[in-house]
């Protein structure tokens, strides 16, 4: 019984995440970050396993003239745990670009 309750909660959470992701993407496409530094980090597993994911990540990176896509080749979608250095380097690069623009 507990397993069924857990699965139900997980399915609801996954559905909610999908709806939130769709709303976020819609907001992104209606707004241009212009020259704001942006790094889209894509998990290598997702690029192979999800049809159209590579194009979607490239589209997100292209929203900014200063955008770029980084692929975490040996990572699951939990790249902050699998390869934290990639996430840290992306954050540092964005911070560096913002600081040098001031």
C-alpha atoms as a PDB file:
ATOM      1  CA  UNK A   1       0.000   0.000   0.000  1.00  0.00           C
ATOM      2  CA  UNK A   2       2.800   2.407   0.843  1.00  0.00           C
ATOM      3  CA  UNK A   3       4.388   1.737  -2.562  1.00  0.00           C
ATOM      4  CA  UNK A   4       1.166   2.667  -4.355  1.00  0.00           C
ATOM      5  CA  UNK A   5       0.877   5.876  -2.349  1.00  0.00           C
ATOM      6  CA  UNK A   6       4.504   6.734  -3.079  1.00  0.00           C
ATOM      7  CA  UNK A   7       4.103   6.051  -6.793  1.00  0.00           C
ATOM      8  CA  UNK A   8       1.012   8.223  -6.918  1.00  0.00           C
ATOM      9  CA  UNK A   9       2.849  11.089  -5.224  1.00  0.00           C
ATOM     10  CA  UNK A  10       5.820  10.657  -7.541  1.00  0.00           C
ATOM     11  CA  UNK A  11       3.603  10.750 -10.626  1.00  0.00           C
ATOM     12  CA  UNK A  12       1.857  13.904  -9.406  1.00  0.00           C
ATOM     13  CA  UNK A  13       5.211  15.544  -8.664  1.00  0.00           C
ATOM     14  CA  UNK A  14       6.581  14.594 -12.086  1.00  0.00           C
ATOM     15  CA  UNK A  15       3.480  15.973 -13.788  1.00  0.00           C
ATOM     16  CA  UNK A  16       3.773  19.198 -11.831  1.00  0.00           C
ATOM     17  CA  UNK A  17       7.439  19.531 -12.773  1.00  0.00           C
ATOM     18  CA  UNK A  18       6.547  19.090 -16.434  1.00  0.00           C
ATOM     19  CA  UNK A  19       3.890  21.791 -16.251  1.00  0.00           C
ATOM     20  CA  UNK A  20       6.263  24.167 -14.475  1.00  0.00           C
ATOM     21  CA  UNK A  21       8.967  23.462 -17.064  1.00  0.00           C
ATOM     22  CA  UNK A  22       6.531  24.252 -19.893  1.00  0.00           C
ATOM     23  CA  UNK A  23       5.547  27.524 -18.219  1.00  0.00           C
ATOM     24  CA  UNK A  24       9.193  28.439 -17.666  1.00  0.00           C
ATOM     25  CA  UNK A  25      10.059  27.734 -21.289  1.00  0.00           C
ATOM     26  CA  UNK A  26       7.109  29.815 -22.474  1.00  0.00           C
ATOM     27  CA  UNK A  27       8.307  32.711 -20.301  1.00  0.00           C
ATOM     28  CA  UNK A  28      11.822  32.356 -21.663  1.00  0.00           C
ATOM     29  CA  UNK A  29      10.702  32.458 -25.274  1.00  0.00           C
ATOM     30  CA  UNK A  30       8.697  35.635 -24.608  1.00  0.00           C
ATOM     31  CA  UNK A  31      11.722  37.362 -23.082  1.00  0.00           C
ATOM     32  CA  UNK A  32      15.176  38.018 -24.442  1.00  0.00           C
ATOM     33  CA  UNK A  33      18.075  38.071 -22.012  1.00  0.00           C
ATOM     34  CA  UNK A  34      19.966  40.111 -24.618  1.00  0.00           C
ATOM     35  CA  UNK A  35      23.649  40.056 -23.714  1.00  0.00           C
ATOM     36  CA  UNK A  36      23.165  38.519 -20.286  1.00  0.00           C
ATOM     37  CA  UNK A  37      25.702  35.728 -19.733  1.00  0.00           C
ATOM     38  CA  UNK A  38      23.941  32.381 -19.819  1.00  0.00           C
ATOM     39  CA  UNK A  39      25.188  28.804 -19.588  1.00  0.00           C
ATOM     40  CA  UNK A  40      22.876  25.889 -20.368  1.00  0.00           C
ATOM     41  CA  UNK A  41      24.329  22.697 -18.913  1.00  0.00           C
ATOM     42  CA  UNK A  42      23.039  19.515 -20.501  1.00  0.00           C
ATOM     43  CA  UNK A  43      23.547  16.042 -19.074  1.00  0.00           C
ATOM     44  CA  UNK A  44      25.138  13.711 -21.595  1.00  0.00           C
ATOM     45  CA  UNK A  45      22.670  10.958 -20.644  1.00  0.00           C
ATOM     46  CA  UNK A  46      19.722  13.212 -21.468  1.00  0.00           C
ATOM     47  CA  UNK A  47      21.136  14.279 -24.823  1.00  0.00           C
ATOM     48  CA  UNK A  48      21.279  10.651 -25.897  1.00  0.00           C
ATOM     49  CA  UNK A  49      18.128   9.403 -24.198  1.00  0.00           C
ATOM     50  CA  UNK A  50      15.599  12.180 -24.870  1.00  0.00           C
ATOM     51  CA  UNK A  51      14.653  13.027 -28.418  1.00  0.00           C
ATOM     52  CA  UNK A  52      14.988  16.740 -29.174  1.00  0.00           C
ATOM     53  CA  UNK A  53      16.703  17.525 -25.858  1.00  0.00           C
ATOM     54  CA  UNK A  54      19.968  18.635 -27.467  1.00  0.00           C
ATOM     55  CA  UNK A  55      18.111  21.073 -29.718  1.00  0.00           C
ATOM     56  CA  UNK A  56      16.082  22.388 -26.769  1.00  0.00           C
ATOM     57  CA  UNK A  57      19.230  23.028 -24.734  1.00  0.00           C
ATOM     58  CA  UNK A  58      20.927  24.721 -27.685  1.00  0.00           C
ATOM     59  CA  UNK A  59      17.838  26.917 -28.142  1.00  0.00           C
ATOM     60  CA  UNK A  60      17.995  27.972 -24.499  1.00  0.00           C
ATOM     61  CA  UNK A  61      21.687  28.846 -24.809  1.00  0.00           C
ATOM     62  CA  UNK A  62      20.952  30.843 -27.968  1.00  0.00           C
ATOM     63  CA  UNK A  63      18.448  33.075 -26.162  1.00  0.00           C
ATOM     64  CA  UNK A  64      21.363  35.285 -25.130  1.00  0.00           C
ATOM     65  CA  UNK A  65      24.050  36.616 -27.426  1.00  0.00           C
ATOM     66  CA  UNK A  66      26.405  35.618 -24.596  1.00  0.00           C
ATOM     67  CA  UNK A  67      24.875  32.165 -24.162  1.00  0.00           C
ATOM     68  CA  UNK A  68      26.649  28.853 -24.497  1.00  0.00           C
ATOM     69  CA  UNK A  69      25.880  25.225 -23.952  1.00  0.00           C
ATOM     70  CA  UNK A  70      28.077  22.908 -21.914  1.00  0.00           C
ATOM     71  CA  UNK A  71      27.627  19.147 -22.058  1.00  0.00           C
ATOM     72  CA  UNK A  72      28.310  17.154 -18.907  1.00  0.00           C
ATOM     73  CA  UNK A  73      29.281  14.026 -20.840  1.00  0.00           C
ATOM     74  CA  UNK A  74      29.515  11.588 -17.935  1.00  0.00           C
ATOM     75  CA  UNK A  75      26.508  12.838 -16.051  1.00  0.00           C
ATOM     76  CA  UNK A  76      22.922  12.039 -15.296  1.00  0.00           C
ATOM     77  CA  UNK A  77      20.442  14.906 -14.873  1.00  0.00           C
ATOM     78  CA  UNK A  78      21.843  15.170 -11.324  1.00  0.00           C
ATOM     79  CA  UNK A  79      25.003  16.748 -12.671  1.00  0.00           C
ATOM     80  CA  UNK A  80      25.467  18.879  -9.556  1.00  0.00           C
ATOM     81  CA  UNK A  81      26.267  15.594  -7.788  1.00  0.00           C
ATOM     82  CA  UNK A  82      27.853  13.672 -10.689  1.00  0.00           C
ATOM     83  CA  UNK A  83      30.145  16.444 -11.931  1.00  0.00           C
ATOM     84  CA  UNK A  84      29.908  19.441  -9.603  1.00  0.00           C
ATOM     85  CA  UNK A  85      32.975  21.040 -11.157  1.00  0.00           C
ATOM     86  CA  UNK A  86      31.026  21.654 -14.378  1.00  0.00           C
ATOM     87  CA  UNK A  87      28.280  23.479 -12.498  1.00  0.00           C
ATOM     88  CA  UNK A  88      30.792  25.434 -10.409  1.00  0.00           C
ATOM     89  CA  UNK A  89      32.762  26.465 -13.509  1.00  0.00           C
ATOM     90  CA  UNK A  90      29.571  27.598 -15.258  1.00  0.00           C
ATOM     91  CA  UNK A  91      28.526  29.715 -12.275  1.00  0.00           C
ATOM     92  CA  UNK A  92      32.013  31.212 -11.990  1.00  0.00           C
ATOM     93  CA  UNK A  93      32.086  32.044 -15.697  1.00  0.00           C
ATOM     94  CA  UNK A  94      28.737  33.842 -15.456  1.00  0.00           C
ATOM     95  CA  UNK A  95      29.865  35.742 -12.349  1.00  0.00           C
ATOM     96  CA  UNK A  96      33.115  36.680 -14.067  1.00  0.00           C
ATOM     97  CA  UNK A  97      31.298  37.974 -17.131  1.00  0.00           C
ATOM     98  CA  UNK A  98      28.891  40.037 -15.004  1.00  0.00           C
ATOM     99  CA  UNK A  99      31.688  41.487 -12.906  1.00  0.00           C
ATOM    100  CA  UNK A 100      33.802  42.425 -15.931  1.00  0.00           C
ATOM    101  CA  UNK A 101      30.799  44.148 -17.552  1.00  0.00           C
ATOM    102  CA  UNK A 102      30.449  46.598 -14.639  1.00  0.00           C
END
